[in-house]
Amino acid sequence: MLLLLNDSGFMGLGSEFMPALNEGTLLYMPSTLPGLSQTEAQRILQVQDRLIRTIPEVDRVFGKAGRADTATDPAPFSMMETVIGLKPEDQWAGEAQVVPLKGL
């Protein structure tokens, strides 16, 4: 009996608790080939941001190429970061909806 009670406490070990979050913001982090020049990175980022802004559900886009000069940002220069702010769902066109990611 004691063994059964003990075993039930360990059933959740090894699994991760992550609640479903929908804060209306996406983080898009594409990578380019190493050795990309600053000029080319800027051009790619501008084109990428312009294309993302054409999506009707997008409110704002902020992209960054390069990295901060800190130990907390180990990303290489070839990795870009783009924060995509979405409009409230009641302002979305047609039947667009948030689809939860499952099984990752």
PDB file of N, CA and C in Angstrom:
ATOM      1  N   MET A   1       0.835  -1.187   0.000  1.00  0.00           N
ATOM      2  CA  MET A   1       0.000   0.000   0.000  1.00  0.00           C
ATOM      3  C   MET A   1       0.877   1.246   0.000  1.00  0.00           C
ATOM      4  N   LEU A   2       1.878   1.260   0.835  1.00  0.00           N
ATOM      5  CA  LEU A   2       2.774   2.408   0.909  1.00  0.00           C
ATOM      6  C   LEU A   2       3.521   2.600  -0.413  1.00  0.00           C
ATOM      7  N   LEU A   3       3.883   1.509  -1.026  1.00  0.00           N
ATOM      8  CA  LEU A   3       4.575   1.557  -2.309  1.00  0.00           C
ATOM      9  C   LEU A   3       3.689   2.180  -3.390  1.00  0.00           C
ATOM     10  N   LEU A   4       2.420   1.859  -3.424  1.00  0.00           N
ATOM     11  CA  LEU A   4       1.491   2.432  -4.400  1.00  0.00           C
ATOM     12  C   LEU A   4       1.329   3.930  -4.190  1.00  0.00           C
ATOM     13  N   LEU A   5       1.250   4.370  -2.972  1.00  0.00           N
ATOM     14  CA  LEU A   5       1.120   5.803  -2.684  1.00  0.00           C
ATOM     15  C   LEU A   5       2.390   6.543  -3.080  1.00  0.00           C
ATOM     16  N   ASN A   6       3.539   5.951  -2.829  1.00  0.00           N
ATOM     17  CA  ASN A   6       4.812   6.561  -3.204  1.00  0.00           C
ATOM     18  C   ASN A   6       4.947   6.669  -4.714  1.00  0.00           C
ATOM     19  N   ASP A   7       4.553   5.622  -5.418  1.00  0.00           N
ATOM     20  CA  ASP A   7       4.691   5.587  -6.866  1.00  0.00           C
ATOM     21  C   ASP A   7       3.857   6.681  -7.538  1.00  0.00           C
ATOM     22  N   SER A   8       2.679   6.988  -7.013  1.00  0.00           N
ATOM     23  CA  SER A   8       1.820   7.997  -7.630  1.00  0.00           C
ATOM     24  C   SER A   8       2.447   9.391  -7.547  1.00  0.00           C
ATOM     25  N   GLY A   9       3.296   9.630  -6.586  1.00  0.00           N
ATOM     26  CA  GLY A   9       3.958  10.930  -6.472  1.00  0.00           C
ATOM     27  C   GLY A   9       5.046  11.139  -7.504  1.00  0.00           C
ATOM     28  N   PHE A  10       5.532  10.057  -8.092  1.00  0.00           N
ATOM     29  CA  PHE A  10       6.621  10.163  -9.071  1.00  0.00           C
ATOM     30  C   PHE A  10       6.146  10.056 -10.520  1.00  0.00           C
ATOM     31  N   MET A  11       4.867   9.964 -10.733  1.00  0.00           N
ATOM     32  CA  MET A  11       4.342   9.793 -12.089  1.00  0.00           C
ATOM     33  C   MET A  11       4.646  11.005 -12.968  1.00  0.00           C
ATOM     34  N   GLY A  12       4.710  12.195 -12.384  1.00  0.00           N
ATOM     35  CA  GLY A  12       4.940  13.401 -13.170  1.00  0.00           C
ATOM     36  C   GLY A  12       6.400  13.754 -13.364  1.00  0.00           C
ATOM     37  N   LEU A  13       7.308  13.000 -12.744  1.00  0.00           N
ATOM     38  CA  LEU A  13       8.729  13.293 -12.902  1.00  0.00           C
ATOM     39  C   LEU A  13       9.166  13.080 -14.334  1.00  0.00           C
ATOM     40  N   GLY A  14      10.014  13.943 -14.805  1.00  0.00           N
ATOM     41  CA  GLY A  14      10.501  13.833 -16.172  1.00  0.00           C
ATOM     42  C   GLY A  14       9.641  14.573 -17.173  1.00  0.00           C
ATOM     43  N   SER A  15       8.484  15.044 -16.756  1.00  0.00           N
ATOM     44  CA  SER A  15       7.645  15.830 -17.661  1.00  0.00           C
ATOM     45  C   SER A  15       7.806  17.304 -17.307  1.00  0.00           C
ATOM     46  N   GLU A  16       7.495  18.135 -18.240  1.00  0.00           N
ATOM     47  CA  GLU A  16       7.680  19.571 -18.047  1.00  0.00           C
ATOM     48  C   GLU A  16       6.327  20.249 -17.957  1.00  0.00           C
ATOM     49  N   PHE A  17       6.191  21.156 -17.011  1.00  0.00           N
ATOM     50  CA  PHE A  17       4.958  21.922 -16.897  1.00  0.00           C
ATOM     51  C   PHE A  17       5.126  23.210 -17.686  1.00  0.00           C
ATOM     52  N   MET A  18       4.327  23.378 -18.698  1.00  0.00           N
ATOM     53  CA  MET A  18       4.352  24.614 -19.478  1.00  0.00           C
ATOM     54  C   MET A  18       2.921  24.977 -19.814  1.00  0.00           C
ATOM     55  N   PRO A  19       2.397  26.002 -19.184  1.00  0.00           N
ATOM     56  CA  PRO A  19       1.012  26.389 -19.477  1.00  0.00           C
ATOM     57  C   PRO A  19       0.915  26.976 -20.888  1.00  0.00           C
ATOM     58  N   ALA A  20      -0.251  26.897 -21.464  1.00  0.00           N
ATOM     59  CA  ALA A  20      -0.478  27.493 -22.782  1.00  0.00           C
ATOM     60  C   ALA A  20      -0.445  29.012 -22.644  1.00  0.00           C
ATOM     61  N   LEU A  21       0.417  29.649 -23.404  1.00  0.00           N
ATOM     62  CA  LEU A  21       0.535  31.106 -23.360  1.00  0.00           C
ATOM     63  C   LEU A  21       0.190  31.680 -24.719  1.00  0.00           C
ATOM     64  N   ASN A  22      -0.552  32.743 -24.726  1.00  0.00           N
ATOM     65  CA  ASN A  22      -0.827  33.481 -25.947  1.00  0.00           C
ATOM     66  C   ASN A  22      -0.823  34.952 -25.571  1.00  0.00           C
ATOM     67  N   GLU A  23       0.349  35.554 -25.655  1.00  0.00           N
ATOM     68  CA  GLU A  23       0.501  36.950 -25.253  1.00  0.00           C
ATOM     69  C   GLU A  23       0.413  37.902 -26.437  1.00  0.00           C
ATOM     70  N   GLY A  24       0.143  37.374 -27.629  1.00  0.00           N
ATOM     71  CA  GLY A  24       0.006  38.219 -28.803  1.00  0.00           C
ATOM     72  C   GLY A  24       1.324  38.649 -29.411  1.00  0.00           C
ATOM     73  N   THR A  25       2.404  37.963 -29.072  1.00  0.00           N
ATOM     74  CA  THR A  25       3.727  38.289 -29.599  1.00  0.00           C
ATOM     75  C   THR A  25       4.431  37.006 -30.020  1.00  0.00           C
ATOM     76  N   LEU A  26       5.106  37.072 -31.152  1.00  0.00           N
ATOM     77  CA  LEU A  26       5.892  35.943 -31.644  1.00  0.00           C
ATOM     78  C   LEU A  26       7.351  36.364 -31.736  1.00  0.00           C
ATOM     79  N   LEU A  27       8.256  35.432 -31.528  1.00  0.00           N
ATOM     80  CA  LEU A  27       9.685  35.674 -31.701  1.00  0.00           C
ATOM     81  C   LEU A  27      10.152  34.798 -32.846  1.00  0.00           C
ATOM     82  N   TYR A  28      10.645  35.431 -33.893  1.00  0.00           N
ATOM     83  CA  TYR A  28      11.126  34.731 -35.092  1.00  0.00           C
ATOM     84  C   TYR A  28      12.630  34.924 -35.148  1.00  0.00           C
ATOM     85  N   MET A  29      13.393  33.813 -35.182  1.00  0.00           N
ATOM     86  CA  MET A  29      14.851  33.888 -35.137  1.00  0.00           C
ATOM     87  C   MET A  29      15.482  33.105 -36.287  1.00  0.00           C
ATOM     88  N   PRO A  30      15.478  33.661 -37.498  1.00  0.00           N
ATOM     89  CA  PRO A  30      16.130  32.962 -38.607  1.00  0.00           C
ATOM     90  C   PRO A  30      17.645  33.114 -38.535  1.00  0.00           C
ATOM     91  N   SER A  31      18.353  32.190 -39.155  1.00  0.00           N
ATOM     92  CA  SER A  31      19.816  32.251 -39.224  1.00  0.00           C
ATOM     93  C   SER A  31      20.235  32.363 -40.681  1.00  0.00           C
ATOM     94  N   THR A  32      21.347  33.037 -40.907  1.00  0.00           N
ATOM     95  CA  THR A  32      21.910  33.157 -42.243  1.00  0.00           C
ATOM     96  C   THR A  32      23.225  32.391 -42.277  1.00  0.00           C
ATOM     97  N   LEU A  33      23.879  32.417 -43.398  1.00  0.00           N
ATOM     98  CA  LEU A  33      25.184  31.779 -43.499  1.00  0.00           C
ATOM     99  C   LEU A  33      26.217  32.593 -42.725  1.00  0.00           C
ATOM    100  N   PRO A  34      27.197  31.943 -42.126  1.00  0.00           N
ATOM    101  CA  PRO A  34      28.255  32.680 -41.420  1.00  0.00           C
ATOM    102  C   PRO A  34      29.009  33.593 -42.389  1.00  0.00           C
ATOM    103  N   GLY A  35      29.540  34.671 -41.885  1.00  0.00           N
ATOM    104  CA  GLY A  35      30.313  35.598 -42.705  1.00  0.00           C
ATOM    105  C   GLY A  35      29.472  36.641 -43.413  1.00  0.00           C
ATOM    106  N   LEU A  36      28.228  36.789 -43.019  1.00  0.00           N
ATOM    107  CA  LEU A  36      27.332  37.768 -43.616  1.00  0.00           C
ATOM    108  C   LEU A  36      27.804  39.174 -43.269  1.00  0.00           C
ATOM    109  N   SER A  37      27.849  40.057 -44.257  1.00  0.00           N
ATOM    110  CA  SER A  37      28.274  41.433 -43.993  1.00  0.00           C
ATOM    111  C   SER A  37      27.158  42.200 -43.290  1.00  0.00           C
ATOM    112  N   GLN A  38      27.520  43.264 -42.625  1.00  0.00           N
ATOM    113  CA  GLN A  38      26.538  44.081 -41.914  1.00  0.00           C
ATOM    114  C   GLN A  38      25.543  44.701 -42.893  1.00  0.00           C
ATOM    115  N   THR A  39      26.018  45.120 -44.049  1.00  0.00           N
ATOM    116  CA  THR A  39      25.151  45.721 -45.062  1.00  0.00           C
ATOM    117  C   THR A  39      24.122  44.713 -45.570  1.00  0.00           C
ATOM    118  N   GLU A  40      24.562  43.496 -45.848  1.00  0.00           N
ATOM    119  CA  GLU A  40      23.657  42.462 -46.332  1.00  0.00           C
ATOM    120  C   GLU A  40      22.667  42.048 -45.247  1.00  0.00           C
ATOM    121  N   ALA A  41      23.118  41.959 -44.000  1.00  0.00           N
ATOM    122  CA  ALA A  41      22.225  41.623 -42.886  1.00  0.00           C
ATOM    123  C   ALA A  41      21.130  42.685 -42.748  1.00  0.00           C
ATOM    124  N   GLN A  42      21.500  43.939 -42.880  1.00  0.00           N
ATOM    125  CA  GLN A  42      20.524  45.027 -42.785  1.00  0.00           C
ATOM    126  C   GLN A  42      19.505  44.939 -43.921  1.00  0.00           C
ATOM    127  N   ARG A  43      19.981  44.647 -45.125  1.00  0.00           N
ATOM    128  CA  ARG A  43      19.078  44.530 -46.270  1.00  0.00           C
ATOM    129  C   ARG A  43      18.104  43.369 -46.082  1.00  0.00           C
ATOM    130  N   ILE A  44      18.626  42.213 -45.672  1.00  0.00           N
ATOM    131  CA  ILE A  44      17.768  41.043 -45.449  1.00  0.00           C
ATOM    132  C   ILE A  44      16.733  41.332 -44.371  1.00  0.00           C
ATOM    133  N   LEU A  45      17.154  41.968 -43.296  1.00  0.00           N
ATOM    134  CA  LEU A  45      16.246  42.287 -42.193  1.00  0.00           C
ATOM    135  C   LEU A  45      15.135  43.233 -42.647  1.00  0.00           C
ATOM    136  N   GLN A  46      15.471  44.232 -43.444  1.00  0.00           N
ATOM    137  CA  GLN A  46      14.460  45.169 -43.942  1.00  0.00           C
ATOM    138  C   GLN A  46      13.446  44.474 -44.839  1.00  0.00           C
ATOM    139  N   VAL A  47      13.923  43.612 -45.732  1.00  0.00           N
ATOM    140  CA  VAL A  47      13.020  42.868 -46.617  1.00  0.00           C
ATOM    141  C   VAL A  47      12.135  41.935 -45.804  1.00  0.00           C
ATOM    142  N   GLN A  48      12.734  41.219 -44.852  1.00  0.00           N
ATOM    143  CA  GLN A  48      11.979  40.293 -44.001  1.00  0.00           C
ATOM    144  C   GLN A  48      10.891  41.036 -43.227  1.00  0.00           C
ATOM    145  N   ASP A  49      11.247  42.144 -42.596  1.00  0.00           N
ATOM    146  CA  ASP A  49      10.264  42.903 -41.811  1.00  0.00           C
ATOM    147  C   ASP A  49       9.142  43.444 -42.700  1.00  0.00           C
ATOM    148  N   ARG A  50       9.492  43.893 -43.892  1.00  0.00           N
ATOM    149  CA  ARG A  50       8.488  44.418 -44.819  1.00  0.00           C
ATOM    150  C   ARG A  50       7.511  43.315 -45.229  1.00  0.00           C
ATOM    151  N   LEU A  51       8.030  42.115 -45.488  1.00  0.00           N
ATOM    152  CA  LEU A  51       7.161  40.996 -45.870  1.00  0.00           C
ATOM    153  C   LEU A  51       6.251  40.572 -44.714  1.00  0.00           C
ATOM    154  N   ILE A  52       6.782  40.532 -43.518  1.00  0.00           N
ATOM    155  CA  ILE A  52       5.971  40.143 -42.351  1.00  0.00           C
ATOM    156  C   ILE A  52       4.862  41.156 -42.112  1.00  0.00           C
ATOM    157  N   ARG A  53       5.142  42.448 -42.332  1.00  0.00           N
ATOM    158  CA  ARG A  53       4.125  43.487 -42.130  1.00  0.00           C
ATOM    159  C   ARG A  53       2.946  43.365 -43.096  1.00  0.00           C
ATOM    160  N   THR A  54       3.111  42.639 -44.202  1.00  0.00           N
ATOM    161  CA  THR A  54       2.009  42.481 -45.153  1.00  0.00           C
ATOM    162  C   THR A  54       0.930  41.527 -44.653  1.00  0.00           C
ATOM    163  N   ILE A  55       1.216  40.778 -43.607  1.00  0.00           N
ATOM    164  CA  ILE A  55       0.225  39.853 -43.033  1.00  0.00           C
ATOM    165  C   ILE A  55      -0.798  40.686 -42.261  1.00  0.00           C
ATOM    166  N   PRO A  56      -2.091  40.561 -42.581  1.00  0.00           N
ATOM    167  CA  PRO A  56      -3.105  41.434 -41.974  1.00  0.00           C
ATOM    168  C   PRO A  56      -3.185  41.357 -40.445  1.00  0.00           C
ATOM    169  N   GLU A  57      -2.836  40.219 -39.862  1.00  0.00           N
ATOM    170  CA  GLU A  57      -2.945  40.058 -38.406  1.00  0.00           C
ATOM    171  C   GLU A  57      -1.772  40.678 -37.646  1.00  0.00           C
ATOM    172  N   VAL A  58      -0.761  41.146 -38.358  1.00  0.00           N
ATOM    173  CA  VAL A  58       0.433  41.722 -37.721  1.00  0.00           C
ATOM    174  C   VAL A  58       0.224  43.204 -37.455  1.00  0.00           C
ATOM    175  N   ASP A  59       0.520  43.603 -36.233  1.00  0.00           N
ATOM    176  CA  ASP A  59       0.405  45.006 -35.822  1.00  0.00           C
ATOM    177  C   ASP A  59       1.737  45.728 -35.963  1.00  0.00           C
ATOM    178  N   ARG A  60       2.826  45.108 -35.493  1.00  0.00           N
ATOM    179  CA  ARG A  60       4.147  45.736 -35.550  1.00  0.00           C
ATOM    180  C   ARG A  60       5.229  44.669 -35.662  1.00  0.00           C
ATOM    181  N   VAL A  61       6.373  45.088 -36.198  1.00  0.00           N
ATOM    182  CA  VAL A  61       7.512  44.194 -36.387  1.00  0.00           C
ATOM    183  C   VAL A  61       8.768  44.953 -35.993  1.00  0.00           C
ATOM    184  N   PHE A  62       9.608  44.312 -35.189  1.00  0.00           N
ATOM    185  CA  PHE A  62      10.886  44.905 -34.815  1.00  0.00           C
ATOM    186  C   PHE A  62      11.964  43.850 -34.961  1.00  0.00           C
ATOM    187  N   GLY A  63      12.889  44.068 -35.879  1.00  0.00           N
ATOM    188  CA  GLY A  63      13.948  43.101 -36.130  1.00  0.00           C
ATOM    189  C   GLY A  63      15.305  43.633 -35.699  1.00  0.00           C
ATOM    190  N   LYS A  64      16.195  42.706 -35.334  1.00  0.00           N
ATOM    191  CA  LYS A  64      17.546  43.063 -34.894  1.00  0.00           C
ATOM    192  C   LYS A  64      18.528  42.072 -35.486  1.00  0.00           C
ATOM    193  N   ALA A  65      19.590  42.622 -36.081  1.00  0.00           N
ATOM    194  CA  ALA A  65      20.685  41.783 -36.568  1.00  0.00           C
ATOM    195  C   ALA A  65      21.902  42.107 -35.716  1.00  0.00           C
ATOM    196  N   GLY A  66      22.703  41.114 -35.426  1.00  0.00           N
ATOM    197  CA  GLY A  66      23.859  41.337 -34.565  1.00  0.00           C
ATOM    198  C   GLY A  66      23.548  40.921 -33.147  1.00  0.00           C
ATOM    199  N   ARG A  67      24.347  41.402 -32.229  1.00  0.00           N
ATOM    200  CA  ARG A  67      24.140  41.024 -30.835  1.00  0.00           C
ATOM    201  C   ARG A  67      24.634  42.129 -29.914  1.00  0.00           C
ATOM    202  N   ALA A  68      24.141  42.063 -28.710  1.00  0.00           N
ATOM    203  CA  ALA A  68      24.585  43.000 -27.687  1.00  0.00           C
ATOM    204  C   ALA A  68      25.970  42.580 -27.205  1.00  0.00           C
ATOM    205  N   ASP A  69      26.719  43.502 -26.702  1.00  0.00           N
ATOM    206  CA  ASP A  69      28.070  43.213 -26.212  1.00  0.00           C
ATOM    207  C   ASP A  69      28.002  42.789 -24.748  1.00  0.00           C
ATOM    208  N   THR A  70      27.295  41.684 -24.497  1.00  0.00           N
ATOM    209  CA  THR A  70      27.153  41.161 -23.138  1.00  0.00           C
ATOM    210  C   THR A  70      27.320  39.646 -23.162  1.00  0.00           C
ATOM    211  N   ALA A  71      27.606  39.094 -22.028  1.00  0.00           N
ATOM    212  CA  ALA A  71      27.748  37.636 -21.912  1.00  0.00           C
ATOM    213  C   ALA A  71      26.398  36.935 -21.945  1.00  0.00           C
ATOM    214  N   THR A  72      25.308  37.680 -21.788  1.00  0.00           N
ATOM    215  CA  THR A  72      23.984  37.066 -21.755  1.00  0.00           C
ATOM    216  C   THR A  72      23.369  36.911 -23.142  1.00  0.00           C
ATOM    217  N   ASP A  73      24.060  37.368 -24.195  1.00  0.00           N
ATOM    218  CA  ASP A  73      23.548  37.238 -25.554  1.00  0.00           C
ATOM    219  C   ASP A  73      24.595  36.525 -26.410  1.00  0.00           C
ATOM    220  N   PRO A  74      24.656  35.188 -26.325  1.00  0.00           N
ATOM    221  CA  PRO A  74      25.692  34.451 -27.047  1.00  0.00           C
ATOM    222  C   PRO A  74      25.369  34.190 -28.520  1.00  0.00           C
ATOM    223  N   ALA A  75      24.299  34.763 -29.044  1.00  0.00           N
ATOM    224  CA  ALA A  75      23.917  34.506 -30.431  1.00  0.00           C
ATOM    225  C   ALA A  75      24.961  35.059 -31.395  1.00  0.00           C
ATOM    226  N   PRO A  76      25.244  34.333 -32.463  1.00  0.00           N
ATOM    227  CA  PRO A  76      26.200  34.834 -33.453  1.00  0.00           C
ATOM    228  C   PRO A  76      25.578  35.960 -34.279  1.00  0.00           C
ATOM    229  N   PHE A  77      26.422  36.708 -34.987  1.00  0.00           N
ATOM    230  CA  PHE A  77      25.933  37.809 -35.812  1.00  0.00           C
ATOM    231  C   PHE A  77      24.981  37.317 -36.894  1.00  0.00           C
ATOM    232  N   SER A  78      25.167  36.079 -37.332  1.00  0.00           N
ATOM    233  CA  SER A  78      24.342  35.534 -38.415  1.00  0.00           C
ATOM    234  C   SER A  78      22.916  35.199 -37.976  1.00  0.00           C
ATOM    235  N   MET A  79      22.615  35.291 -36.677  1.00  0.00           N
ATOM    236  CA  MET A  79      21.275  35.006 -36.185  1.00  0.00           C
ATOM    237  C   MET A  79      20.524  36.314 -35.968  1.00  0.00           C
ATOM    238  N   MET A  80      19.398  36.442 -36.606  1.00  0.00           N
ATOM    239  CA  MET A  80      18.570  37.641 -36.464  1.00  0.00           C
ATOM    240  C   MET A  80      17.448  37.360 -35.475  1.00  0.00           C
ATOM    241  N   GLU A  81      16.955  38.402 -34.857  1.00  0.00           N
ATOM    242  CA  GLU A  81      15.825  38.274 -33.939  1.00  0.00           C
ATOM    243  C   GLU A  81      14.748  39.246 -34.386  1.00  0.00           C
ATOM    244  N   THR A  82      13.537  38.759 -34.544  1.00  0.00           N
ATOM    245  CA  THR A  82      12.425  39.601 -34.959  1.00  0.00           C
ATOM    246  C   THR A  82      11.259  39.367 -34.006  1.00  0.00           C
ATOM    247  N   VAL A  83      10.795  40.438 -33.380  1.00  0.00           N
ATOM    248  CA  VAL A  83       9.632  40.375 -32.502  1.00  0.00           C
ATOM    249  C   VAL A  83       8.431  40.835 -33.319  1.00  0.00           C
ATOM    250  N   ILE A  84       7.410  39.986 -33.385  1.00  0.00           N
ATOM    251  CA  ILE A  84       6.215  40.263 -34.177  1.00  0.00           C
ATOM    252  C   ILE A  84       5.051  40.462 -33.212  1.00  0.00           C
ATOM    253  N   GLY A  85       4.501  41.662 -33.200  1.00  0.00           N
ATOM    254  CA  GLY A  85       3.332  41.960 -32.374  1.00  0.00           C
ATOM    255  C   GLY A  85       2.069  41.748 -33.180  1.00  0.00           C
ATOM    256  N   LEU A  86       1.152  40.962 -32.662  1.00  0.00           N
ATOM    257  CA  LEU A  86      -0.099  40.670 -33.357  1.00  0.00           C
ATOM    258  C   LEU A  86      -1.221  41.584 -32.884  1.00  0.00           C
ATOM    259  N   LYS A  87      -2.161  41.847 -33.776  1.00  0.00           N
ATOM    260  CA  LYS A  87      -3.366  42.594 -33.410  1.00  0.00           C
ATOM    261  C   LYS A  87      -4.220  41.701 -32.508  1.00  0.00           C
ATOM    262  N   PRO A  88      -5.145  42.279 -31.754  1.00  0.00           N
ATOM    263  CA  PRO A  88      -6.080  41.439 -30.987  1.00  0.00           C
ATOM    264  C   PRO A  88      -6.857  40.525 -31.939  1.00  0.00           C
ATOM    265  N   GLU A  89      -7.166  39.326 -31.478  1.00  0.00           N
ATOM    266  CA  GLU A  89      -7.799  38.322 -32.343  1.00  0.00           C
ATOM    267  C   GLU A  89      -9.121  38.790 -32.941  1.00  0.00           C
ATOM    268  N   ASP A  90      -9.856  39.661 -32.254  1.00  0.00           N
ATOM    269  CA  ASP A  90     -11.129  40.130 -32.809  1.00  0.00           C
ATOM    270  C   ASP A  90     -10.928  41.067 -34.008  1.00  0.00           C
ATOM    271  N   GLN A  91      -9.701  41.479 -34.287  1.00  0.00           N
ATOM    272  CA  GLN A  91      -9.402  42.330 -35.441  1.00  0.00           C
ATOM    273  C   GLN A  91      -8.772  41.542 -36.593  1.00  0.00           C
ATOM    274  N   TRP A  92      -8.667  40.238 -36.462  1.00  0.00           N
ATOM    275  CA  TRP A  92      -8.047  39.416 -37.498  1.00  0.00           C
ATOM    276  C   TRP A  92      -8.996  39.254 -38.678  1.00  0.00           C
ATOM    277  N   ALA A  93      -8.415  39.171 -39.863  1.00  0.00           N
ATOM    278  CA  ALA A  93      -9.186  39.032 -41.089  1.00  0.00           C
ATOM    279  C   ALA A  93      -9.656  37.593 -41.280  1.00  0.00           C
ATOM    280  N   GLY A  94     -10.838  37.450 -41.853  1.00  0.00           N
ATOM    281  CA  GLY A  94     -11.345  36.121 -42.203  1.00  0.00           C
ATOM    282  C   GLY A  94     -11.437  35.176 -41.028  1.00  0.00           C
ATOM    283  N   GLU A  95     -10.969  33.962 -41.254  1.00  0.00           N
ATOM    284  CA  GLU A  95     -11.059  32.923 -40.229  1.00  0.00           C
ATOM    285  C   GLU A  95      -9.696  32.581 -39.643  1.00  0.00           C
ATOM    286  N   ALA A  96      -8.782  33.538 -39.616  1.00  0.00           N
ATOM    287  CA  ALA A  96      -7.456  33.304 -39.035  1.00  0.00           C
ATOM    288  C   ALA A  96      -7.610  32.988 -37.554  1.00  0.00           C
ATOM    289  N   GLN A  97      -6.762  32.097 -37.061  1.00  0.00           N
ATOM    290  CA  GLN A  97      -6.822  31.726 -35.654  1.00  0.00           C
ATOM    291  C   GLN A  97      -5.458  31.243 -35.178  1.00  0.00           C
ATOM    292  N   VAL A  98      -5.270  31.269 -33.872  1.00  0.00           N
ATOM    293  CA  VAL A  98      -4.056  30.749 -33.283  1.00  0.00           C
ATOM    294  C   VAL A  98      -4.185  29.229 -33.218  1.00  0.00           C
ATOM    295  N   VAL A  99      -3.207  28.537 -33.755  1.00  0.00           N
ATOM    296  CA  VAL A  99      -3.204  27.082 -33.721  1.00  0.00           C
ATOM    297  C   VAL A  99      -2.145  26.647 -32.718  1.00  0.00           C
ATOM    298  N   PRO A 100      -2.544  25.949 -31.653  1.00  0.00           N
ATOM    299  CA  PRO A 100      -1.551  25.526 -30.663  1.00  0.00           C
ATOM    300  C   PRO A 100      -0.570  24.509 -31.234  1.00  0.00           C
ATOM    301  N   LEU A 101       0.677  24.618 -30.807  1.00  0.00           N
ATOM    302  CA  LEU A 101       1.696  23.648 -31.213  1.00  0.00           C
ATOM    303  C   LEU A 101       1.613  22.461 -30.272  1.00  0.00           C
ATOM    304  N   LYS A 102       1.496  21.280 -30.825  1.00  0.00           N
ATOM    305  CA  LYS A 102       1.368  20.066 -30.026  1.00  0.00           C
ATOM    306  C   LYS A 102       2.519  19.123 -30.331  1.00  0.00           C
ATOM    307  N   GLY A 103       2.940  18.385 -29.333  1.00  0.00           N
ATOM    308  CA  GLY A 103       3.903  17.317 -29.532  1.00  0.00           C
ATOM    309  C   GLY A 103       5.336  17.754 -29.747  1.00  0.00           C
ATOM    310  N   LEU A 104       5.691  18.914 -29.299  1.00  0.00           N
ATOM    311  CA  LEU A 104       7.077  19.355 -29.465  1.00  0.00           C
ATOM    312  C   LEU A 104       7.913  18.935 -28.294  1.00  0.00           C
TER     313      LEU A 104
END
